[in-house]
Amino acid sequence: MSTKVLIPLSKSLAVGVIGGFLFDMAGLPLAWMLGPLVMNLIASITSVEVAVPENIRFAFLGILGLVLGSQVTPDLISRVVDWPISGGLLLIGVAISTSLCAVWFRSRGFDSVTAWFSAAPGATTAMIMMGEASGGDPRRIAISQSLRIILVLLILPPLFLFYEGSVVTDIASEQERLFSAPYLMLALPLLIPLGIKLKVPTPALLMPLFFSALLSGFAVARFQMPNWGMNTMLLVLGCAIGSRFRGLSFSLLRKHLFESFVATLISLIIFAVFAEIIHQLLHVPRDVALMAMAPGGIGELAILAVALNLDPMFVAFHHLLRIVALMAIAPVLARYLKSRRP
């Protein structure tokens, strides 16, 4: 690894460890993810050179995928029959949330293309690329999408302290875990490139997830990590999310923070309503339903679901469904918006 890559990575991990310790000492929820995230975000906007290379982020997303897939058990099949109903409700919520957030962004001076692609609750990279190809402002879309993910991650854990009486605990405080089937990590260098070649959405997460789910579902092997391994994974992924804002000035962040905060609240309120409907209809716990509906990225929300032990497979399925739906609808929307431009 070159010095040019190693120095920003070392700085990112160093401030991440400091953030993790500070959050842990303060008794804040999910200390080893949110602490590194916040400290890297601060470092990024204060011009400290922090970065987590894509190959390292992909490797730890792959480990997260193995952890998620290990949640699949034979008895899971009995609950899958309800997923099409909750999935349909999710898609209705996506349509309403995107429409209202687009109206909000338009009221803040966004052009129509930038507003719609900024408002989409997921598939961040695809929304930025399609929005730019349709004549939108890629920087505004990227900032809006990234801030939405950050805000959801910062709002949800404290919310679970009060929502449904849930207790948010750090992974390190749970019963001691031991390594189980660690050899599955050897498959990551094969699975991730295969997912990229097959154009699977979020391949670094989903290919290991499918692989691990298949083995766990048939009781062949179940991947599990000790506490220190789980917290290391949270640390690296938290650093990767926070360092995403590298090069973004504080003044520009402050300029867009209010509009993104309001849009995020609009989305959370709408999806909270649909989470309550799912709870009433299907008897899915409120906190699980809200996590499945939350307008964050699949990787980020999967981390929270695993850390909070909130039915990670149910959550991952609904976020994958949202990504697939957005990527299917976005090209149609892009063509429509392009046809309306003068």
C-alpha atoms as a PDB file:
ATOM      1  CA  MET A   1       0.000   0.000   0.000  1.00  0.00           C
ATOM      2  CA  SER A   2       1.470   3.355  -1.056  1.00  0.00           C
ATOM      3  CA  THR A   3       2.166   6.213   1.348  1.00  0.00           C
ATOM      4  CA  LYS A   4      -0.397   8.296  -0.533  1.00  0.00           C
ATOM      5  CA  VAL A   5      -3.100   5.803   0.504  1.00  0.00           C
ATOM      6  CA  LEU A   6      -1.695   4.724   3.866  1.00  0.00           C
ATOM      7  CA  ILE A   7      -1.426   8.190   5.467  1.00  0.00           C
ATOM      8  CA  PRO A   8      -5.112   9.227   4.907  1.00  0.00           C
ATOM      9  CA  LEU A   9      -6.218   5.746   6.011  1.00  0.00           C
ATOM     10  CA  SER A  10      -4.109   5.918   9.177  1.00  0.00           C
ATOM     11  CA  LYS A  11      -5.508   9.346  10.027  1.00  0.00           C
ATOM     12  CA  SER A  12      -9.054   8.142   9.403  1.00  0.00           C
ATOM     13  CA  LEU A  13      -8.653   5.097  11.644  1.00  0.00           C
ATOM     14  CA  ALA A  14      -6.844   7.128  14.326  1.00  0.00           C
ATOM     15  CA  VAL A  15      -9.593   9.751  14.633  1.00  0.00           C
ATOM     16  CA  GLY A  16     -12.107   6.910  14.379  1.00  0.00           C
ATOM     17  CA  VAL A  17     -10.605   5.139  17.401  1.00  0.00           C
ATOM     18  CA  ILE A  18     -10.670   8.430  19.335  1.00  0.00           C
ATOM     19  CA  GLY A  19     -14.331   8.911  18.392  1.00  0.00           C
ATOM     20  CA  GLY A  20     -15.178   5.362  19.382  1.00  0.00           C
ATOM     21  CA  PHE A  21     -13.568   5.750  22.813  1.00  0.00           C
ATOM     22  CA  LEU A  22     -15.220   9.128  23.425  1.00  0.00           C
ATOM     23  CA  PHE A  23     -18.681   7.856  22.430  1.00  0.00           C
ATOM     24  CA  ASP A  24     -18.161   4.685  24.461  1.00  0.00           C
ATOM     25  CA  MET A  25     -17.067   6.606  27.575  1.00  0.00           C
ATOM     26  CA  ALA A  26     -20.090   8.913  27.188  1.00  0.00           C
ATOM     27  CA  GLY A  27     -22.401   5.886  27.039  1.00  0.00           C
ATOM     28  CA  LEU A  28     -23.730   6.881  23.616  1.00  0.00           C
ATOM     29  CA  PRO A  29     -25.418   4.246  21.419  1.00  0.00           C
ATOM     30  CA  LEU A  30     -23.425   2.377  18.761  1.00  0.00           C
ATOM     31  CA  ALA A  31     -20.223   4.049  19.940  1.00  0.00           C
ATOM     32  CA  TRP A  32     -17.893   2.155  17.603  1.00  0.00           C
ATOM     33  CA  MET A  33     -19.774   3.141  14.472  1.00  0.00           C
ATOM     34  CA  LEU A  34     -21.170   6.602  15.230  1.00  0.00           C
ATOM     35  CA  GLY A  35     -18.038   7.831  17.030  1.00  0.00           C
ATOM     36  CA  PRO A  36     -15.729   7.123  14.070  1.00  0.00           C
ATOM     37  CA  LEU A  37     -18.382   8.455  11.679  1.00  0.00           C
ATOM     38  CA  VAL A  38     -18.745  11.793  13.487  1.00  0.00           C
ATOM     39  CA  MET A  39     -14.994  12.268  14.039  1.00  0.00           C
ATOM     40  CA  ASN A  40     -14.227  11.524  10.383  1.00  0.00           C
ATOM     41  CA  LEU A  41     -17.003  13.868   9.293  1.00  0.00           C
ATOM     42  CA  ILE A  42     -15.470  16.650  11.411  1.00  0.00           C
ATOM     43  CA  ALA A  43     -11.985  15.836  10.111  1.00  0.00           C
ATOM     44  CA  SER A  44     -13.244  15.865   6.516  1.00  0.00           C
ATOM     45  CA  ILE A  45     -14.851  19.305   6.676  1.00  0.00           C
ATOM     46  CA  THR A  46     -11.863  20.772   8.546  1.00  0.00           C
ATOM     47  CA  SER A  47      -9.521  19.757   5.694  1.00  0.00           C
ATOM     48  CA  VAL A  48      -7.811  16.861   7.503  1.00  0.00           C
ATOM     49  CA  GLU A  49      -6.810  14.298   4.896  1.00  0.00           C
ATOM     50  CA  VAL A  50      -8.817  11.201   5.843  1.00  0.00           C
ATOM     51  CA  ALA A  51      -9.944   8.410   3.547  1.00  0.00           C
ATOM     52  CA  VAL A  52     -10.772   4.699   3.527  1.00  0.00           C
ATOM     53  CA  PRO A  53      -9.845   3.057   0.180  1.00  0.00           C
ATOM     54  CA  GLU A  54     -12.649   1.379  -1.735  1.00  0.00           C
ATOM     55  CA  ASN A  55     -11.032  -2.059  -1.602  1.00  0.00           C
ATOM     56  CA  ILE A  56     -10.886  -1.929   2.212  1.00  0.00           C
ATOM     57  CA  ARG A  57     -14.467  -0.635   2.436  1.00  0.00           C
ATOM     58  CA  PHE A  58     -15.571  -3.428   0.087  1.00  0.00           C
ATOM     59  CA  ALA A  59     -13.782  -6.058   2.209  1.00  0.00           C
ATOM     60  CA  PHE A  60     -15.559  -4.956   5.394  1.00  0.00           C
ATOM     61  CA  LEU A  61     -18.888  -4.639   3.586  1.00  0.00           C
ATOM     62  CA  GLY A  62     -18.302  -8.238   2.492  1.00  0.00           C
ATOM     63  CA  ILE A  63     -17.780  -9.280   6.116  1.00  0.00           C
ATOM     64  CA  LEU A  64     -21.008  -7.481   7.007  1.00  0.00           C
ATOM     65  CA  GLY A  65     -22.723  -9.456   4.234  1.00  0.00           C
ATOM     66  CA  LEU A  66     -21.490 -12.719   5.753  1.00  0.00           C
ATOM     67  CA  VAL A  67     -22.833 -11.630   9.150  1.00  0.00           C
ATOM     68  CA  LEU A  68     -26.209 -10.719   7.639  1.00  0.00           C
ATOM     69  CA  GLY A  69     -26.506 -13.954   5.699  1.00  0.00           C
ATOM     70  CA  SER A  70     -25.826 -15.982   8.827  1.00  0.00           C
ATOM     71  CA  GLN A  71     -29.155 -14.711  10.210  1.00  0.00           C
ATOM     72  CA  VAL A  72     -31.004 -16.994   7.767  1.00  0.00           C
ATOM     73  CA  THR A  73     -32.357 -20.108   9.454  1.00  0.00           C
ATOM     74  CA  PRO A  74     -34.861 -22.741   8.294  1.00  0.00           C
ATOM     75  CA  ASP A  75     -37.625 -21.178  10.420  1.00  0.00           C
ATOM     76  CA  LEU A  76     -37.172 -17.889   8.532  1.00  0.00           C
ATOM     77  CA  ILE A  77     -39.216 -19.326   5.662  1.00  0.00           C
ATOM     78  CA  SER A  78     -42.393 -19.203   7.746  1.00  0.00           C
ATOM     79  CA  ARG A  79     -42.065 -15.401   8.012  1.00  0.00           C
ATOM     80  CA  VAL A  80     -41.139 -14.712   4.391  1.00  0.00           C
ATOM     81  CA  VAL A  81     -44.760 -15.079   3.225  1.00  0.00           C
ATOM     82  CA  ASP A  82     -45.582 -11.678   4.741  1.00  0.00           C
ATOM     83  CA  TRP A  83     -42.734  -9.860   3.004  1.00  0.00           C
ATOM     84  CA  PRO A  84     -44.582  -9.104  -0.278  1.00  0.00           C
ATOM     85  CA  ILE A  85     -47.221  -7.175   1.709  1.00  0.00           C
ATOM     86  CA  SER A  86     -44.679  -5.118   3.638  1.00  0.00           C
ATOM     87  CA  GLY A  87     -42.669  -4.712   0.425  1.00  0.00           C
ATOM     88  CA  GLY A  88     -45.691  -3.286  -1.370  1.00  0.00           C
ATOM     89  CA  LEU A  89     -46.286  -0.831   1.470  1.00  0.00           C
ATOM     90  CA  LEU A  90     -42.613   0.163   1.317  1.00  0.00           C
ATOM     91  CA  LEU A  91     -42.890   1.019  -2.387  1.00  0.00           C
ATOM     92  CA  ILE A  92     -45.959   3.184  -1.760  1.00  0.00           C
ATOM     93  CA  GLY A  93     -44.005   4.967   0.961  1.00  0.00           C
ATOM     94  CA  VAL A  94     -41.063   5.480  -1.416  1.00  0.00           C
ATOM     95  CA  ALA A  95     -43.354   7.110  -3.998  1.00  0.00           C
ATOM     96  CA  ILE A  96     -44.943   9.460  -1.459  1.00  0.00           C
ATOM     97  CA  SER A  97     -41.656  10.336   0.262  1.00  0.00           C
ATOM     98  CA  THR A  98     -39.811  11.028  -3.005  1.00  0.00           C
ATOM     99  CA  SER A  99     -42.636  13.220  -4.303  1.00  0.00           C
ATOM    100  CA  LEU A 100     -42.914  15.341  -1.150  1.00  0.00           C
ATOM    101  CA  CYS A 101     -39.143  15.697  -0.730  1.00  0.00           C
ATOM    102  CA  ALA A 102     -38.823  16.727  -4.387  1.00  0.00           C
ATOM    103  CA  VAL A 103     -41.431  19.450  -3.802  1.00  0.00           C
ATOM    104  CA  TRP A 104     -39.420  20.623  -0.780  1.00  0.00           C
ATOM    105  CA  PHE A 105     -36.151  20.715  -2.741  1.00  0.00           C
ATOM    106  CA  ARG A 106     -37.869  22.607  -5.576  1.00  0.00           C
ATOM    107  CA  SER A 107     -39.007  25.205  -3.031  1.00  0.00           C
ATOM    108  CA  ARG A 108     -35.344  25.615  -2.038  1.00  0.00           C
ATOM    109  CA  GLY A 109     -34.282  26.504  -5.566  1.00  0.00           C
ATOM    110  CA  PHE A 110     -33.331  23.073  -6.956  1.00  0.00           C
ATOM    111  CA  ASP A 111     -34.137  22.484 -10.619  1.00  0.00           C
ATOM    112  CA  SER A 112     -36.606  19.656 -11.249  1.00  0.00           C
ATOM    113  CA  VAL A 113     -34.025  17.009 -12.205  1.00  0.00           C
ATOM    114  CA  THR A 114     -31.757  17.748  -9.238  1.00  0.00           C
ATOM    115  CA  ALA A 115     -34.762  17.848  -6.888  1.00  0.00           C
ATOM    116  CA  TRP A 116     -36.139  14.457  -7.899  1.00  0.00           C
ATOM    117  CA  PHE A 117     -32.800  12.640  -7.829  1.00  0.00           C
ATOM    118  CA  SER A 118     -31.861  14.299  -4.526  1.00  0.00           C
ATOM    119  CA  ALA A 119     -35.204  13.168  -3.065  1.00  0.00           C
ATOM    120  CA  ALA A 120     -34.880   9.471  -3.986  1.00  0.00           C
ATOM    121  CA  PRO A 121     -34.371   7.522  -0.715  1.00  0.00           C
ATOM    122  CA  GLY A 122     -31.614   5.155  -1.768  1.00  0.00           C
ATOM    123  CA  ALA A 123     -29.311   3.915  -4.570  1.00  0.00           C
ATOM    124  CA  THR A 124     -27.093   6.962  -4.007  1.00  0.00           C
ATOM    125  CA  THR A 125     -24.430   6.301  -6.651  1.00  0.00           C
ATOM    126  CA  ALA A 126     -26.994   5.491  -9.338  1.00  0.00           C
ATOM    127  CA  MET A 127     -29.041   8.590  -8.490  1.00  0.00           C
ATOM    128  CA  ILE A 128     -25.978  10.836  -8.807  1.00  0.00           C
ATOM    129  CA  MET A 129     -24.962   9.333 -12.163  1.00  0.00           C
ATOM    130  CA  MET A 130     -28.467   9.309 -13.654  1.00  0.00           C
ATOM    131  CA  GLY A 131     -29.193  12.784 -12.334  1.00  0.00           C
ATOM    132  CA  GLU A 132     -26.039  14.168 -13.932  1.00  0.00           C
ATOM    133  CA  ALA A 133     -26.799  12.408 -17.233  1.00  0.00           C
ATOM    134  CA  SER A 134     -30.255  14.016 -17.191  1.00  0.00           C
ATOM    135  CA  GLY A 135     -28.839  17.506 -16.739  1.00  0.00           C
ATOM    136  CA  GLY A 136     -29.021  17.765 -12.939  1.00  0.00           C
ATOM    137  CA  ASP A 137     -26.376  19.114 -10.573  1.00  0.00           C
ATOM    138  CA  PRO A 138     -24.329  16.058  -9.448  1.00  0.00           C
ATOM    139  CA  ARG A 139     -22.694  17.922  -6.545  1.00  0.00           C
ATOM    140  CA  ARG A 140     -26.037  18.949  -5.055  1.00  0.00           C
ATOM    141  CA  ILE A 141     -27.444  15.453  -5.536  1.00  0.00           C
ATOM    142  CA  ALA A 142     -24.352  13.888  -3.921  1.00  0.00           C
ATOM    143  CA  ILE A 143     -24.464  16.245  -0.929  1.00  0.00           C
ATOM    144  CA  SER A 144     -28.209  15.749  -0.403  1.00  0.00           C
ATOM    145  CA  GLN A 145     -27.971  11.968  -0.667  1.00  0.00           C
ATOM    146  CA  SER A 146     -24.916  11.728   1.608  1.00  0.00           C
ATOM    147  CA  LEU A 147     -26.391  14.048   4.237  1.00  0.00           C
ATOM    148  CA  ARG A 148     -29.614  12.011   4.267  1.00  0.00           C
ATOM    149  CA  ILE A 149     -27.662   8.841   5.096  1.00  0.00           C
ATOM    150  CA  ILE A 150     -25.607  10.600   7.783  1.00  0.00           C
ATOM    151  CA  LEU A 151     -28.690  12.183   9.362  1.00  0.00           C
ATOM    152  CA  VAL A 152     -30.631   8.901   9.403  1.00  0.00           C
ATOM    153  CA  LEU A 153     -27.699   7.164  11.108  1.00  0.00           C
ATOM    154  CA  LEU A 154     -27.450   9.907  13.727  1.00  0.00           C
ATOM    155  CA  ILE A 155     -31.214  10.206  14.354  1.00  0.00           C
ATOM    156  CA  LEU A 156     -32.293   6.555  14.497  1.00  0.00           C
ATOM    157  CA  PRO A 157     -30.147   5.086  17.341  1.00  0.00           C
ATOM    158  CA  PRO A 158     -31.225   7.695  19.933  1.00  0.00           C
ATOM    159  CA  LEU A 159     -34.777   7.342  18.659  1.00  0.00           C
ATOM    160  CA  PHE A 160     -34.710   3.627  19.481  1.00  0.00           C
ATOM    161  CA  LEU A 161     -34.053   4.536  23.106  1.00  0.00           C
ATOM    162  CA  PHE A 162     -37.661   5.730  23.241  1.00  0.00           C
ATOM    163  CA  TYR A 163     -39.350   3.889  20.363  1.00  0.00           C
ATOM    164  CA  GLU A 164     -41.146   0.693  21.430  1.00  0.00           C
ATOM    165  CA  GLY A 165     -39.104   0.722  24.635  1.00  0.00           C
ATOM    166  CA  SER A 166     -36.101  -0.589  22.707  1.00  0.00           C
ATOM    167  CA  VAL A 167     -32.746  -0.576  24.447  1.00  0.00           C
ATOM    168  CA  VAL A 168     -29.785   0.318  22.262  1.00  0.00           C
ATOM    169  CA  THR A 169     -26.653  -1.510  23.335  1.00  0.00           C
ATOM    170  CA  ASP A 170     -23.174  -1.590  21.905  1.00  0.00           C
ATOM    171  CA  ILE A 171     -22.031  -4.896  20.464  1.00  0.00           C
ATOM    172  CA  ALA A 172     -19.209  -5.122  22.986  1.00  0.00           C
ATOM    173  CA  SER A 173     -21.689  -5.258  25.857  1.00  0.00           C
ATOM    174  CA  GLU A 174     -23.472  -8.318  24.535  1.00  0.00           C
ATOM    175  CA  GLN A 175     -22.685 -11.901  25.475  1.00  0.00           C
ATOM    176  CA  GLU A 176     -19.200 -12.881  24.317  1.00  0.00           C
ATOM    177  CA  ARG A 177     -19.098 -14.131  20.735  1.00  0.00           C
ATOM    178  CA  LEU A 178     -16.596 -16.607  19.313  1.00  0.00           C
ATOM    179  CA  PHE A 179     -15.419 -17.065  15.738  1.00  0.00           C
ATOM    180  CA  SER A 180     -17.542 -19.503  13.752  1.00  0.00           C
ATOM    181  CA  ALA A 181     -16.736 -20.537  10.150  1.00  0.00           C
ATOM    182  CA  PRO A 182     -14.112 -17.760   9.691  1.00  0.00           C
ATOM    183  CA  TYR A 183     -12.897 -19.547   6.544  1.00  0.00           C
ATOM    184  CA  LEU A 184     -15.930 -18.087   4.711  1.00  0.00           C
ATOM    185  CA  MET A 185     -13.991 -14.805   4.505  1.00  0.00           C
ATOM    186  CA  LEU A 186     -11.653 -16.533   2.025  1.00  0.00           C
ATOM    187  CA  ALA A 187     -14.510 -16.484  -0.497  1.00  0.00           C
ATOM    188  CA  LEU A 188     -14.755 -12.664  -0.510  1.00  0.00           C
ATOM    189  CA  PRO A 189     -12.054 -12.091  -3.192  1.00  0.00           C
ATOM    190  CA  LEU A 190     -14.130 -14.311  -5.509  1.00  0.00           C
ATOM    191  CA  LEU A 191     -17.630 -13.201  -4.549  1.00  0.00           C
ATOM    192  CA  ILE A 192     -17.153  -9.420  -4.769  1.00  0.00           C
ATOM    193  CA  PRO A 193     -15.604  -9.318  -8.287  1.00  0.00           C
ATOM    194  CA  LEU A 194     -18.289 -11.772  -9.448  1.00  0.00           C
ATOM    195  CA  GLY A 195     -20.999  -9.459  -8.094  1.00  0.00           C
ATOM    196  CA  ILE A 196     -19.426  -6.490  -9.880  1.00  0.00           C
ATOM    197  CA  LYS A 197     -19.287  -8.444 -13.138  1.00  0.00           C
ATOM    198  CA  LEU A 198     -22.922  -9.513 -12.780  1.00  0.00           C
ATOM    199  CA  LYS A 199     -23.882  -5.878 -11.972  1.00  0.00           C
ATOM    200  CA  VAL A 200     -25.506  -6.852  -8.670  1.00  0.00           C
ATOM    201  CA  PRO A 201     -26.573  -3.762  -6.652  1.00  0.00           C
ATOM    202  CA  THR A 202     -24.096  -3.128  -3.797  1.00  0.00           C
ATOM    203  CA  PRO A 203     -22.133  -6.276  -4.803  1.00  0.00           C
ATOM    204  CA  ALA A 204     -19.650  -6.088  -1.908  1.00  0.00           C
ATOM    205  CA  LEU A 205     -22.539  -6.547   0.531  1.00  0.00           C
ATOM    206  CA  LEU A 206     -25.109  -8.625  -1.344  1.00  0.00           C
ATOM    207  CA  MET A 207     -22.948 -11.374  -2.910  1.00  0.00           C
ATOM    208  CA  PRO A 208     -21.457 -12.439   0.452  1.00  0.00           C
ATOM    209  CA  LEU A 209     -24.930 -12.086   1.979  1.00  0.00           C
ATOM    210  CA  PHE A 210     -26.483 -14.495  -0.548  1.00  0.00           C
ATOM    211  CA  PHE A 211     -23.544 -16.904  -0.167  1.00  0.00           C
ATOM    212  CA  SER A 212     -23.696 -16.891   3.632  1.00  0.00           C
ATOM    213  CA  ALA A 213     -27.510 -17.117   3.642  1.00  0.00           C
ATOM    214  CA  LEU A 214     -27.416 -20.218   1.436  1.00  0.00           C
ATOM    215  CA  LEU A 215     -24.936 -21.991   3.705  1.00  0.00           C
ATOM    216  CA  SER A 216     -26.658 -20.914   6.912  1.00  0.00           C
ATOM    217  CA  GLY A 217     -30.159 -21.685   5.622  1.00  0.00           C
ATOM    218  CA  PHE A 218     -29.139 -25.282   4.885  1.00  0.00           C
ATOM    219  CA  ALA A 219     -27.211 -25.518   8.183  1.00  0.00           C
ATOM    220  CA  VAL A 220     -23.892 -26.056   6.364  1.00  0.00           C
ATOM    221  CA  ALA A 221     -21.984 -23.190   8.002  1.00  0.00           C
ATOM    222  CA  ARG A 222     -22.903 -20.119  10.025  1.00  0.00           C
ATOM    223  CA  PHE A 223     -20.515 -17.167  10.096  1.00  0.00           C
ATOM    224  CA  GLN A 224     -20.009 -15.409  13.426  1.00  0.00           C
ATOM    225  CA  MET A 225     -17.375 -13.044  14.835  1.00  0.00           C
ATOM    226  CA  PRO A 226     -16.202 -12.199  18.366  1.00  0.00           C
ATOM    227  CA  ASN A 227     -16.981  -8.820  19.912  1.00  0.00           C
ATOM    228  CA  TRP A 228     -13.668  -7.260  18.917  1.00  0.00           C
ATOM    229  CA  GLY A 229     -14.215  -8.339  15.305  1.00  0.00           C
ATOM    230  CA  MET A 230     -17.698  -6.843  15.170  1.00  0.00           C
ATOM    231  CA  ASN A 231     -16.494  -3.571  16.667  1.00  0.00           C
ATOM    232  CA  THR A 232     -13.554  -3.444  14.244  1.00  0.00           C
ATOM    233  CA  MET A 233     -16.002  -3.847  11.370  1.00  0.00           C
ATOM    234  CA  LEU A 234     -18.154  -1.022  12.748  1.00  0.00           C
ATOM    235  CA  LEU A 235     -15.073   1.167  13.204  1.00  0.00           C
ATOM    236  CA  VAL A 236     -13.862   0.798   9.617  1.00  0.00           C
ATOM    237  CA  LEU A 237     -17.308   1.224   8.069  1.00  0.00           C
ATOM    238  CA  GLY A 238     -18.014   4.239  10.295  1.00  0.00           C
ATOM    239  CA  CYS A 239     -14.725   5.801   9.159  1.00  0.00           C
ATOM    240  CA  ALA A 240     -15.625   5.088   5.530  1.00  0.00           C
ATOM    241  CA  ILE A 241     -18.994   6.828   5.829  1.00  0.00           C
ATOM    242  CA  GLY A 242     -17.635   9.868   7.669  1.00  0.00           C
ATOM    243  CA  SER A 243     -14.644  10.375   5.371  1.00  0.00           C
ATOM    244  CA  ARG A 244     -17.022  10.502   2.406  1.00  0.00           C
ATOM    245  CA  PHE A 245     -17.229  14.278   2.931  1.00  0.00           C
ATOM    246  CA  ARG A 246     -13.526  14.825   2.269  1.00  0.00           C
ATOM    247  CA  GLY A 247     -13.048  18.136   0.451  1.00  0.00           C
ATOM    248  CA  LEU A 248     -16.444  19.543   1.447  1.00  0.00           C
ATOM    249  CA  SER A 249     -16.153  22.949   3.113  1.00  0.00           C
ATOM    250  CA  PHE A 250     -17.995  23.757   6.334  1.00  0.00           C
ATOM    251  CA  SER A 251     -19.744  26.712   4.693  1.00  0.00           C
ATOM    252  CA  LEU A 252     -21.111  24.516   1.897  1.00  0.00           C
ATOM    253  CA  LEU A 253     -22.158  21.834   4.372  1.00  0.00           C
ATOM    254  CA  ARG A 254     -23.946  24.408   6.526  1.00  0.00           C
ATOM    255  CA  LYS A 255     -25.687  25.786   3.431  1.00  0.00           C
ATOM    256  CA  HIS A 256     -27.211  22.415   2.532  1.00  0.00           C
ATOM    257  CA  LEU A 257     -27.680  20.971   6.026  1.00  0.00           C
ATOM    258  CA  PHE A 258     -31.039  22.626   6.742  1.00  0.00           C
ATOM    259  CA  GLU A 259     -32.710  21.561   3.503  1.00  0.00           C
ATOM    260  CA  SER A 260     -31.381  18.005   3.856  1.00  0.00           C
ATOM    261  CA  PHE A 261     -32.463  17.849   7.508  1.00  0.00           C
ATOM    262  CA  VAL A 262     -36.031  18.861   6.619  1.00  0.00           C
ATOM    263  CA  ALA A 263     -36.135  16.385   3.724  1.00  0.00           C
ATOM    264  CA  THR A 264     -34.860  13.618   6.008  1.00  0.00           C
ATOM    265  CA  LEU A 265     -37.518  14.413   8.615  1.00  0.00           C
ATOM    266  CA  ILE A 266     -40.226  14.322   5.923  1.00  0.00           C
ATOM    267  CA  SER A 267     -39.015  10.886   4.817  1.00  0.00           C
ATOM    268  CA  LEU A 268     -38.711   9.536   8.355  1.00  0.00           C
ATOM    269  CA  ILE A 269     -42.226  10.691   9.274  1.00  0.00           C
ATOM    270  CA  ILE A 270     -43.748   9.125   6.155  1.00  0.00           C
ATOM    271  CA  PHE A 271     -41.894   5.838   6.602  1.00  0.00           C
ATOM    272  CA  ALA A 272     -42.734   5.789  10.322  1.00  0.00           C
ATOM    273  CA  VAL A 273     -46.421   5.900   9.357  1.00  0.00           C
ATOM    274  CA  PHE A 274     -45.947   2.952   6.993  1.00  0.00           C
ATOM    275  CA  ALA A 275     -43.912   1.122   9.654  1.00  0.00           C
ATOM    276  CA  GLU A 276     -46.882   1.454  12.005  1.00  0.00           C
ATOM    277  CA  ILE A 277     -49.216   0.085   9.305  1.00  0.00           C
ATOM    278  CA  ILE A 278     -46.893  -2.900   8.826  1.00  0.00           C
ATOM    279  CA  HIS A 279     -46.807  -3.427  12.587  1.00  0.00           C
ATOM    280  CA  GLN A 280     -50.602  -3.398  12.830  1.00  0.00           C
ATOM    281  CA  LEU A 281     -51.183  -5.625   9.774  1.00  0.00           C
ATOM    282  CA  LEU A 282     -48.353  -8.139  10.084  1.00  0.00           C
ATOM    283  CA  HIS A 283     -47.419  -7.862  13.771  1.00  0.00           C
ATOM    284  CA  VAL A 284     -43.817  -7.054  12.863  1.00  0.00           C
ATOM    285  CA  PRO A 285     -42.224  -5.291  15.879  1.00  0.00           C
ATOM    286  CA  ARG A 286     -42.384  -1.513  15.467  1.00  0.00           C
ATOM    287  CA  ASP A 287     -38.621  -1.035  15.748  1.00  0.00           C
ATOM    288  CA  VAL A 288     -37.918  -3.703  13.118  1.00  0.00           C
ATOM    289  CA  ALA A 289     -40.538  -2.214  10.768  1.00  0.00           C
ATOM    290  CA  LEU A 290     -39.100   1.287  11.190  1.00  0.00           C
ATOM    291  CA  MET A 291     -35.556   0.067  10.517  1.00  0.00           C
ATOM    292  CA  ALA A 292     -36.775  -1.673   7.351  1.00  0.00           C
ATOM    293  CA  MET A 293     -38.552   1.478   6.164  1.00  0.00           C
ATOM    294  CA  ALA A 294     -35.844   4.009   7.148  1.00  0.00           C
ATOM    295  CA  PRO A 295     -34.533   6.011   4.149  1.00  0.00           C
ATOM    296  CA  GLY A 296     -30.853   5.143   4.528  1.00  0.00           C
ATOM    297  CA  GLY A 297     -28.409   3.116   2.444  1.00  0.00           C
ATOM    298  CA  ILE A 298     -28.629  -0.668   2.532  1.00  0.00           C
ATOM    299  CA  GLY A 299     -25.112  -1.049   3.927  1.00  0.00           C
ATOM    300  CA  GLU A 300     -25.548   1.586   6.603  1.00  0.00           C
ATOM    301  CA  LEU A 301     -28.967   0.358   7.761  1.00  0.00           C
ATOM    302  CA  ALA A 302     -27.763  -3.246   7.672  1.00  0.00           C
ATOM    303  CA  ILE A 303     -24.997  -2.249  10.099  1.00  0.00           C
ATOM    304  CA  LEU A 304     -27.585  -0.768  12.471  1.00  0.00           C
ATOM    305  CA  ALA A 305     -29.865  -3.793  12.146  1.00  0.00           C
ATOM    306  CA  VAL A 306     -27.029  -6.183  13.031  1.00  0.00           C
ATOM    307  CA  ALA A 307     -25.788  -3.992  15.886  1.00  0.00           C
ATOM    308  CA  LEU A 308     -29.287  -3.589  17.346  1.00  0.00           C
ATOM    309  CA  ASN A 309     -30.302  -7.193  16.583  1.00  0.00           C
ATOM    310  CA  LEU A 310     -33.402  -6.019  14.691  1.00  0.00           C
ATOM    311  CA  ASP A 311     -34.126  -8.893  12.272  1.00  0.00           C
ATOM    312  CA  PRO A 312     -31.305  -8.024   9.820  1.00  0.00           C
ATOM    313  CA  MET A 313     -32.647 -10.185   6.973  1.00  0.00           C
ATOM    314  CA  PHE A 314     -36.079  -8.507   7.062  1.00  0.00           C
ATOM    315  CA  VAL A 315     -34.350  -5.124   7.020  1.00  0.00           C
ATOM    316  CA  ALA A 316     -31.911  -6.058   4.236  1.00  0.00           C
ATOM    317  CA  PHE A 317     -34.701  -7.470   2.037  1.00  0.00           C
ATOM    318  CA  HIS A 318     -36.710  -4.257   2.160  1.00  0.00           C
ATOM    319  CA  HIS A 319     -33.710  -2.035   1.483  1.00  0.00           C
ATOM    320  CA  LEU A 320     -32.702  -4.234  -1.450  1.00  0.00           C
ATOM    321  CA  LEU A 321     -36.259  -4.002  -2.775  1.00  0.00           C
ATOM    322  CA  ARG A 322     -36.100  -0.206  -2.536  1.00  0.00           C
ATOM    323  CA  ILE A 323     -32.789  -0.118  -4.461  1.00  0.00           C
ATOM    324  CA  VAL A 324     -34.106  -2.391  -7.221  1.00  0.00           C
ATOM    325  CA  ALA A 325     -37.312  -0.351  -7.527  1.00  0.00           C
ATOM    326  CA  LEU A 326     -35.461   2.981  -7.664  1.00  0.00           C
ATOM    327  CA  MET A 327     -32.982   1.718 -10.246  1.00  0.00           C
ATOM    328  CA  ALA A 328     -35.849   0.388 -12.372  1.00  0.00           C
ATOM    329  CA  ILE A 329     -37.904   3.592 -12.170  1.00  0.00           C
ATOM    330  CA  ALA A 330     -35.056   6.138 -12.316  1.00  0.00           C
ATOM    331  CA  PRO A 331     -34.268   5.691 -16.055  1.00  0.00           C
ATOM    332  CA  VAL A 332     -37.948   6.240 -16.923  1.00  0.00           C
ATOM    333  CA  LEU A 333     -38.048   9.323 -14.706  1.00  0.00           C
ATOM    334  CA  ALA A 334     -34.784  10.565 -16.237  1.00  0.00           C
ATOM    335  CA  ARG A 335     -36.157  10.310 -19.778  1.00  0.00           C
ATOM    336  CA  TYR A 336     -39.343  12.109 -18.740  1.00  0.00           C
ATOM    337  CA  LEU A 337     -37.471  14.944 -17.020  1.00  0.00           C
ATOM    338  CA  LYS A 338     -35.062  15.310 -19.959  1.00  0.00           C
ATOM    339  CA  SER A 339     -37.982  15.575 -22.374  1.00  0.00           C
ATOM    340  CA  ARG A 340     -39.412  18.453 -20.341  1.00  0.00           C
ATOM    341  CA  ARG A 341     -36.194  20.477 -20.305  1.00  0.00           C
ATOM    342  CA  PRO A 342     -36.184  23.434 -22.723  1.00  0.00           C
END
